[in-house]
Amino acid sequence: MGKIKIKLVKSPIDKSKRQKATLVALGFRKVNQIVEHEVTPQIEGMVRKVEHLVQVENA
């Protein structure tokens, strides 16, 4: 499996509790933070749920 870099580009303020929990599970603490994960179905699903808040690129 490959790796992906995910950058939080929008604030989770005023978003649902579930979306905030997904961002925390992905490892985000701040806006403009970049995290790197292995590409798995679980990570892809989490990214899909918050795709309006993040920017994804292949690593």
N, C-alpha and C. Protein backbone atom coordinates (compact mmCIF):
# COMPACT_ATOMS: atom_id res chain seq x y z
N MET A 1 0.83 -1.19 0.00
CA MET A 1 0.00 0.00 0.00
C MET A 1 0.87 1.25 0.00
N GLY A 2 0.33 2.31 -0.58
CA GLY A 2 1.06 3.56 -0.62
C GLY A 2 0.74 4.43 0.59
N LYS A 3 1.24 5.64 0.54
CA LYS A 3 0.99 6.61 1.60
C LYS A 3 0.30 7.83 1.00
N ILE A 4 -0.48 8.51 1.84
CA ILE A 4 -1.09 9.76 1.43
C ILE A 4 -0.79 10.82 2.48
N LYS A 5 -0.67 12.06 2.01
CA LYS A 5 -0.52 13.21 2.91
C LYS A 5 -1.87 13.92 2.92
N ILE A 6 -2.32 14.24 4.12
CA ILE A 6 -3.61 14.92 4.29
C ILE A 6 -3.35 16.21 5.04
N LYS A 7 -3.87 17.31 4.51
CA LYS A 7 -3.70 18.62 5.13
C LYS A 7 -5.06 19.17 5.53
N LEU A 8 -5.19 19.62 6.77
CA LEU A 8 -6.43 20.24 7.25
C LEU A 8 -6.44 21.69 6.78
N VAL A 9 -7.35 22.04 5.87
CA VAL A 9 -7.36 23.38 5.30
C VAL A 9 -8.51 24.25 5.80
N LYS A 10 -9.52 23.65 6.42
CA LYS A 10 -10.63 24.42 6.97
C LYS A 10 -10.83 24.05 8.43
N SER A 11 -11.27 25.01 9.21
CA SER A 11 -11.47 24.80 10.64
C SER A 11 -12.69 23.91 10.90
N PRO A 12 -12.59 23.02 11.88
CA PRO A 12 -13.74 22.18 12.22
C PRO A 12 -14.73 22.87 13.15
N ILE A 13 -14.51 24.14 13.45
CA ILE A 13 -15.46 24.88 14.27
C ILE A 13 -16.81 24.90 13.56
N ASP A 14 -17.87 24.67 14.30
CA ASP A 14 -19.24 24.67 13.79
C ASP A 14 -19.53 23.46 12.92
N LYS A 15 -18.73 22.40 13.02
CA LYS A 15 -19.01 21.14 12.32
C LYS A 15 -19.56 20.15 13.33
N SER A 16 -20.09 19.04 12.85
CA SER A 16 -20.70 18.07 13.75
C SER A 16 -19.66 17.39 14.63
N LYS A 17 -20.12 16.86 15.74
CA LYS A 17 -19.23 16.17 16.68
C LYS A 17 -18.56 14.98 16.01
N ARG A 18 -19.28 14.32 15.13
CA ARG A 18 -18.75 13.15 14.42
C ARG A 18 -17.60 13.54 13.49
N GLN A 19 -17.74 14.66 12.78
CA GLN A 19 -16.67 15.12 11.90
C GLN A 19 -15.44 15.54 12.70
N LYS A 20 -15.65 16.19 13.83
CA LYS A 20 -14.54 16.58 14.69
C LYS A 20 -13.81 15.35 15.20
N ALA A 21 -14.57 14.31 15.58
CA ALA A 21 -13.96 13.08 16.08
C ALA A 21 -13.16 12.38 14.98
N THR A 22 -13.65 12.45 13.75
CA THR A 22 -12.93 11.86 12.63
C THR A 22 -11.60 12.57 12.42
N LEU A 23 -11.60 13.89 12.51
CA LEU A 23 -10.35 14.65 12.34
C LEU A 23 -9.36 14.32 13.45
N VAL A 24 -9.83 14.17 14.67
CA VAL A 24 -8.95 13.80 15.78
C VAL A 24 -8.39 12.40 15.54
N ALA A 25 -9.22 11.49 15.07
CA ALA A 25 -8.77 10.12 14.80
C ALA A 25 -7.72 10.09 13.68
N LEU A 26 -7.81 11.03 12.76
CA LEU A 26 -6.80 11.13 11.69
C LEU A 26 -5.51 11.76 12.21
N GLY A 27 -5.56 12.40 13.37
CA GLY A 27 -4.36 12.97 13.98
C GLY A 27 -4.24 14.47 13.88
N PHE A 28 -5.31 15.15 13.53
CA PHE A 28 -5.25 16.61 13.37
C PHE A 28 -5.47 17.32 14.70
N ARG A 29 -4.70 18.39 14.91
CA ARG A 29 -4.87 19.25 16.07
C ARG A 29 -5.03 20.71 15.66
N LYS A 30 -4.44 21.09 14.52
CA LYS A 30 -4.43 22.49 14.08
C LYS A 30 -4.75 22.58 12.60
N VAL A 31 -5.24 23.74 12.19
CA VAL A 31 -5.44 24.02 10.77
C VAL A 31 -4.06 24.14 10.12
N ASN A 32 -3.95 23.71 8.89
CA ASN A 32 -2.72 23.69 8.09
C ASN A 32 -1.73 22.62 8.54
N GLN A 33 -2.13 21.74 9.44
CA GLN A 33 -1.29 20.62 9.85
C GLN A 33 -1.36 19.54 8.78
N ILE A 34 -0.25 18.87 8.56
CA ILE A 34 -0.19 17.78 7.58
C ILE A 34 0.10 16.49 8.30
N VAL A 35 -0.69 15.44 8.01
CA VAL A 35 -0.44 14.11 8.56
C VAL A 35 -0.27 13.14 7.41
N GLU A 36 0.46 12.07 7.67
CA GLU A 36 0.72 11.07 6.64
C GLU A 36 0.22 9.72 7.14
N HIS A 37 -0.53 9.01 6.28
CA HIS A 37 -1.10 7.72 6.64
C HIS A 37 -0.91 6.73 5.50
N GLU A 38 -0.89 5.45 5.86
CA GLU A 38 -0.94 4.38 4.87
C GLU A 38 -2.33 4.40 4.24
N VAL A 39 -2.41 4.05 2.97
CA VAL A 39 -3.70 3.99 2.29
C VAL A 39 -4.38 2.67 2.65
N THR A 40 -5.45 2.76 3.42
CA THR A 40 -6.25 1.60 3.78
C THR A 40 -7.71 1.98 3.54
N PRO A 41 -8.60 0.99 3.44
CA PRO A 41 -10.02 1.33 3.28
C PRO A 41 -10.56 2.17 4.42
N GLN A 42 -10.05 1.96 5.63
CA GLN A 42 -10.53 2.72 6.79
C GLN A 42 -10.14 4.19 6.67
N ILE A 43 -8.89 4.45 6.31
CA ILE A 43 -8.42 5.83 6.16
C ILE A 43 -9.14 6.51 5.00
N GLU A 44 -9.31 5.80 3.89
CA GLU A 44 -10.02 6.38 2.75
C GLU A 44 -11.45 6.77 3.13
N GLY A 45 -12.12 5.94 3.92
CA GLY A 45 -13.48 6.25 4.36
C GLY A 45 -13.52 7.46 5.26
N MET A 46 -12.54 7.58 6.16
CA MET A 46 -12.49 8.73 7.06
C MET A 46 -12.25 10.01 6.27
N VAL A 47 -11.34 9.94 5.30
CA VAL A 47 -11.05 11.12 4.47
C VAL A 47 -12.29 11.51 3.67
N ARG A 48 -13.02 10.54 3.17
CA ARG A 48 -14.22 10.82 2.38
C ARG A 48 -15.26 11.56 3.21
N LYS A 49 -15.35 11.26 4.51
CA LYS A 49 -16.34 11.91 5.38
C LYS A 49 -16.00 13.37 5.68
N VAL A 50 -14.72 13.73 5.58
CA VAL A 50 -14.32 15.11 5.88
C VAL A 50 -13.61 15.76 4.70
N GLU A 51 -13.92 15.28 3.48
CA GLU A 51 -13.20 15.78 2.30
C GLU A 51 -13.40 17.27 2.05
N HIS A 52 -14.46 17.86 2.61
CA HIS A 52 -14.69 19.29 2.44
C HIS A 52 -13.81 20.13 3.37
N LEU A 53 -13.10 19.47 4.29
CA LEU A 53 -12.24 20.17 5.24
C LEU A 53 -10.75 19.92 4.99
N VAL A 54 -10.43 18.94 4.16
CA VAL A 54 -9.03 18.54 3.99
C VAL A 54 -8.61 18.59 2.52
N GLN A 55 -7.30 18.53 2.33
CA GLN A 55 -6.71 18.45 1.00
C GLN A 55 -5.80 17.22 1.01
N VAL A 56 -5.94 16.36 -0.02
CA VAL A 56 -5.21 15.10 -0.04
C VAL A 56 -4.25 15.07 -1.21
N GLU A 57 -3.04 14.53 -0.97
CA GLU A 57 -2.08 14.33 -2.05
C GLU A 57 -1.34 13.02 -1.81
N ASN A 58 -0.91 12.37 -2.86
CA ASN A 58 -0.15 11.14 -2.73
C ASN A 58 1.26 11.47 -2.26
N ALA A 59 1.79 10.61 -1.42
CA ALA A 59 3.13 10.84 -0.89
C ALA A 59 4.15 9.94 -1.55
